[in-house]
Amino acid sequence: MSNGAATATAGCIAVPQATMAQLMQRIHSGAKIINVNTEAELANY
């Protein structure tokens, strides 16, 4: 996020914080969420 607005990422998705909070409440058990800060960190997954 940048200044509270979603911005493009390295082929992933970016959403505002409020939207992420809603998604976190709705995902099912066993779902995988990967949060990385740089494109290079994607190599860990």
PDB file of N, CA and C in Angstrom:
ATOM      1  N   MET A   1       0.835  -1.173   0.000  1.00  0.00           N
ATOM      2  CA  MET A   1       0.000   0.000   0.000  1.00  0.00           C
ATOM      3  C   MET A   1       0.879   1.234   0.000  1.00  0.00           C
ATOM      4  N   SER A   2       0.362   2.261  -0.577  1.00  0.00           N
ATOM      5  CA  SER A   2       1.066   3.529  -0.597  1.00  0.00           C
ATOM      6  C   SER A   2       0.064   4.628  -0.286  1.00  0.00           C
ATOM      7  N   ASN A   3       0.299   5.354   0.767  1.00  0.00           N
ATOM      8  CA  ASN A   3      -0.619   6.433   1.172  1.00  0.00           C
ATOM      9  C   ASN A   3      -2.048   5.935   1.351  1.00  0.00           C
ATOM     10  N   GLY A   4      -2.205   4.687   1.824  1.00  0.00           N
ATOM     11  CA  GLY A   4      -3.531   4.147   2.078  1.00  0.00           C
ATOM     12  C   GLY A   4      -4.243   3.620   0.852  1.00  0.00           C
ATOM     13  N   ALA A   5      -3.657   3.743  -0.318  1.00  0.00           N
ATOM     14  CA  ALA A   5      -4.289   3.261  -1.550  1.00  0.00           C
ATOM     15  C   ALA A   5      -3.537   2.039  -2.059  1.00  0.00           C
ATOM     16  N   ALA A   6      -4.265   1.113  -2.645  1.00  0.00           N
ATOM     17  CA  ALA A   6      -3.633  -0.080  -3.202  1.00  0.00           C
ATOM     18  C   ALA A   6      -2.788   0.303  -4.408  1.00  0.00           C
ATOM     19  N   THR A   7      -1.648  -0.342  -4.545  1.00  0.00           N
ATOM     20  CA  THR A   7      -0.777  -0.110  -5.690  1.00  0.00           C
ATOM     21  C   THR A   7      -0.404  -1.449  -6.302  1.00  0.00           C
ATOM     22  N   ALA A   8       0.086  -1.429  -7.515  1.00  0.00           N
ATOM     23  CA  ALA A   8       0.483  -2.656  -8.196  1.00  0.00           C
ATOM     24  C   ALA A   8       1.691  -3.280  -7.507  1.00  0.00           C
ATOM     25  N   THR A   9       1.785  -4.595  -7.590  1.00  0.00           N
ATOM     26  CA  THR A   9       2.903  -5.325  -7.000  1.00  0.00           C
ATOM     27  C   THR A   9       3.497  -6.242  -8.053  1.00  0.00           C
ATOM     28  N   ALA A  10       4.398  -7.099  -7.672  1.00  0.00           N
ATOM     29  CA  ALA A  10       5.096  -7.998  -8.601  1.00  0.00           C
ATOM     30  C   ALA A  10       4.194  -9.145  -9.055  1.00  0.00           C
ATOM     31  N   GLY A  11       3.087  -8.821  -9.659  1.00  0.00           N
ATOM     32  CA  GLY A  11       2.187  -9.852 -10.160  1.00  0.00           C
ATOM     33  C   GLY A  11       1.217 -10.375  -9.123  1.00  0.00           C
ATOM     34  N   CYS A  12       1.257  -9.823  -7.949  1.00  0.00           N
ATOM     35  CA  CYS A  12       0.362 -10.249  -6.883  1.00  0.00           C
ATOM     36  C   CYS A  12      -0.780  -9.240  -6.761  1.00  0.00           C
ATOM     37  N   ILE A  13      -1.408  -9.194  -5.626  1.00  0.00           N
ATOM     38  CA  ILE A  13      -2.475  -8.225  -5.425  1.00  0.00           C
ATOM     39  C   ILE A  13      -2.116  -7.285  -4.287  1.00  0.00           C
ATOM     40  N   ALA A  14      -2.667  -6.110  -4.330  1.00  0.00           N
ATOM     41  CA  ALA A  14      -2.518  -5.142  -3.248  1.00  0.00           C
ATOM     42  C   ALA A  14      -3.913  -4.631  -2.927  1.00  0.00           C
ATOM     43  N   VAL A  15      -4.238  -4.587  -1.651  1.00  0.00           N
ATOM     44  CA  VAL A  15      -5.556  -4.108  -1.238  1.00  0.00           C
ATOM     45  C   VAL A  15      -5.387  -3.156  -0.062  1.00  0.00           C
ATOM     46  N   PRO A  16      -6.337  -2.257   0.112  1.00  0.00           N
ATOM     47  CA  PRO A  16      -6.299  -1.373   1.277  1.00  0.00           C
ATOM     48  C   PRO A  16      -6.397  -2.191   2.574  1.00  0.00           C
ATOM     49  N   GLN A  17      -5.911  -1.650   3.661  1.00  0.00           N
ATOM     50  CA  GLN A  17      -5.886  -2.351   4.940  1.00  0.00           C
ATOM     51  C   GLN A  17      -7.279  -2.807   5.372  1.00  0.00           C
ATOM     52  N   ALA A  18      -8.298  -1.989   5.193  1.00  0.00           N
ATOM     53  CA  ALA A  18      -9.656  -2.362   5.598  1.00  0.00           C
ATOM     54  C   ALA A  18     -10.148  -3.583   4.817  1.00  0.00           C
ATOM     55  N   THR A  19      -9.811  -3.642   3.539  1.00  0.00           N
ATOM     56  CA  THR A  19     -10.198  -4.788   2.720  1.00  0.00           C
ATOM     57  C   THR A  19      -9.477  -6.042   3.193  1.00  0.00           C
ATOM     58  N   MET A  20      -8.199  -5.926   3.513  1.00  0.00           N
ATOM     59  CA  MET A  20      -7.446  -7.078   4.014  1.00  0.00           C
ATOM     60  C   MET A  20      -8.054  -7.590   5.313  1.00  0.00           C
ATOM     61  N   ALA A  21      -8.479  -6.699   6.190  1.00  0.00           N
ATOM     62  CA  ALA A  21      -9.110  -7.119   7.441  1.00  0.00           C
ATOM     63  C   ALA A  21     -10.369  -7.928   7.159  1.00  0.00           C
ATOM     64  N   GLN A  22     -11.160  -7.508   6.175  1.00  0.00           N
ATOM     65  CA  GLN A  22     -12.364  -8.257   5.801  1.00  0.00           C
ATOM     66  C   GLN A  22     -12.000  -9.624   5.235  1.00  0.00           C
ATOM     67  N   LEU A  23     -11.000  -9.676   4.385  1.00  0.00           N
ATOM     68  CA  LEU A  23     -10.569 -10.951   3.810  1.00  0.00           C
ATOM     69  C   LEU A  23     -10.092 -11.914   4.894  1.00  0.00           C
ATOM     70  N   MET A  24      -9.352 -11.408   5.852  1.00  0.00           N
ATOM     71  CA  MET A  24      -8.838 -12.254   6.928  1.00  0.00           C
ATOM     72  C   MET A  24      -9.966 -12.881   7.738  1.00  0.00           C
ATOM     73  N   GLN A  25     -11.076 -12.192   7.865  1.00  0.00           N
ATOM     74  CA  GLN A  25     -12.214 -12.725   8.604  1.00  0.00           C
ATOM     75  C   GLN A  25     -12.969 -13.776   7.799  1.00  0.00           C
ATOM     76  N   ARG A  26     -12.831 -13.765   6.488  1.00  0.00           N
ATOM     77  CA  ARG A  26     -13.628 -14.633   5.621  1.00  0.00           C
ATOM     78  C   ARG A  26     -12.898 -15.865   5.098  1.00  0.00           C
ATOM     79  N   ILE A  27     -11.584 -15.910   5.197  1.00  0.00           N
ATOM     80  CA  ILE A  27     -10.871 -17.053   4.624  1.00  0.00           C
ATOM     81  C   ILE A  27     -11.120 -18.308   5.455  1.00  0.00           C
ATOM     82  N   HIS A  28     -10.997 -19.451   4.803  1.00  0.00           N
ATOM     83  CA  HIS A  28     -11.269 -20.714   5.479  1.00  0.00           C
ATOM     84  C   HIS A  28     -10.007 -21.278   6.137  1.00  0.00           C
ATOM     85  N   SER A  29     -10.223 -22.203   7.043  1.00  0.00           N
ATOM     86  CA  SER A  29      -9.121 -22.873   7.714  1.00  0.00           C
ATOM     87  C   SER A  29      -8.249 -23.581   6.684  1.00  0.00           C
ATOM     88  N   GLY A  30      -6.961 -23.479   6.827  1.00  0.00           N
ATOM     89  CA  GLY A  30      -6.036 -24.119   5.901  1.00  0.00           C
ATOM     90  C   GLY A  30      -5.599 -23.238   4.744  1.00  0.00           C
ATOM     91  N   ALA A  31      -6.184 -22.054   4.623  1.00  0.00           N
ATOM     92  CA  ALA A  31      -5.789 -21.134   3.546  1.00  0.00           C
ATOM     93  C   ALA A  31      -4.362 -20.662   3.804  1.00  0.00           C
ATOM     94  N   LYS A  32      -3.642 -20.402   2.749  1.00  0.00           N
ATOM     95  CA  LYS A  32      -2.261 -19.937   2.854  1.00  0.00           C
ATOM     96  C   LYS A  32      -2.193 -18.470   2.438  1.00  0.00           C
ATOM     97  N   ILE A  33      -1.617 -17.657   3.276  1.00  0.00           N
ATOM     98  CA  ILE A  33      -1.425 -16.242   2.980  1.00  0.00           C
ATOM     99  C   ILE A  33       0.075 -15.983   3.006  1.00  0.00           C
ATOM    100  N   ILE A  34       0.573 -15.419   1.939  1.00  0.00           N
ATOM    101  CA  ILE A  34       1.995 -15.107   1.853  1.00  0.00           C
ATOM    102  C   ILE A  34       2.131 -13.595   1.762  1.00  0.00           C
ATOM    103  N   ASN A  35       2.853 -13.030   2.705  1.00  0.00           N
ATOM    104  CA  ASN A  35       3.053 -11.586   2.749  1.00  0.00           C
ATOM    105  C   ASN A  35       4.544 -11.317   2.611  1.00  0.00           C
ATOM    106  N   VAL A  36       4.931 -10.730   1.513  1.00  0.00           N
ATOM    107  CA  VAL A  36       6.338 -10.404   1.293  1.00  0.00           C
ATOM    108  C   VAL A  36       6.477  -8.911   1.048  1.00  0.00           C
ATOM    109  N   ASN A  37       7.637  -8.397   1.358  1.00  0.00           N
ATOM    110  CA  ASN A  37       7.892  -6.972   1.189  1.00  0.00           C
ATOM    111  C   ASN A  37       8.660  -6.643  -0.077  1.00  0.00           C
ATOM    112  N   THR A  38       9.351  -7.639  -0.624  1.00  0.00           N
ATOM    113  CA  THR A  38      10.112  -7.410  -1.847  1.00  0.00           C
ATOM    114  C   THR A  38       9.915  -8.577  -2.803  1.00  0.00           C
ATOM    115  N   GLU A  39      10.135  -8.331  -4.067  1.00  0.00           N
ATOM    116  CA  GLU A  39      10.027  -9.381  -5.078  1.00  0.00           C
ATOM    117  C   GLU A  39      11.006 -10.517  -4.782  1.00  0.00           C
ATOM    118  N   ALA A  40      12.175 -10.192  -4.276  1.00  0.00           N
ATOM    119  CA  ALA A  40      13.187 -11.205  -3.974  1.00  0.00           C
ATOM    120  C   ALA A  40      12.705 -12.195  -2.914  1.00  0.00           C
ATOM    121  N   GLU A  41      11.866 -11.745  -1.988  1.00  0.00           N
ATOM    122  CA  GLU A  41      11.358 -12.627  -0.940  1.00  0.00           C
ATOM    123  C   GLU A  41      10.452 -13.723  -1.491  1.00  0.00           C
ATOM    124  N   LEU A  42       9.903 -13.536  -2.677  1.00  0.00           N
ATOM    125  CA  LEU A  42       9.044 -14.558  -3.275  1.00  0.00           C
ATOM    126  C   LEU A  42       9.801 -15.858  -3.517  1.00  0.00           C
ATOM    127  N   ALA A  43      11.107 -15.792  -3.661  1.00  0.00           N
ATOM    128  CA  ALA A  43      11.923 -16.990  -3.891  1.00  0.00           C
ATOM    129  C   ALA A  43      11.862 -17.948  -2.707  1.00  0.00           C
ATOM    130  N   ASN A  44      11.426 -17.482  -1.548  1.00  0.00           N
ATOM    131  CA  ASN A  44      11.326 -18.335  -0.363  1.00  0.00           C
ATOM    132  C   ASN A  44      10.098 -19.231  -0.388  1.00  0.00           C
ATOM    133  N   TYR A  45       9.214 -19.062  -1.368  1.00  0.00           N
ATOM    134  CA  TYR A  45       7.951 -19.808  -1.387  1.00  0.00           C
ATOM    135  C   TYR A  45       7.790 -20.618  -2.639  1.00  0.00           C
TER     136      TYR A  45
END
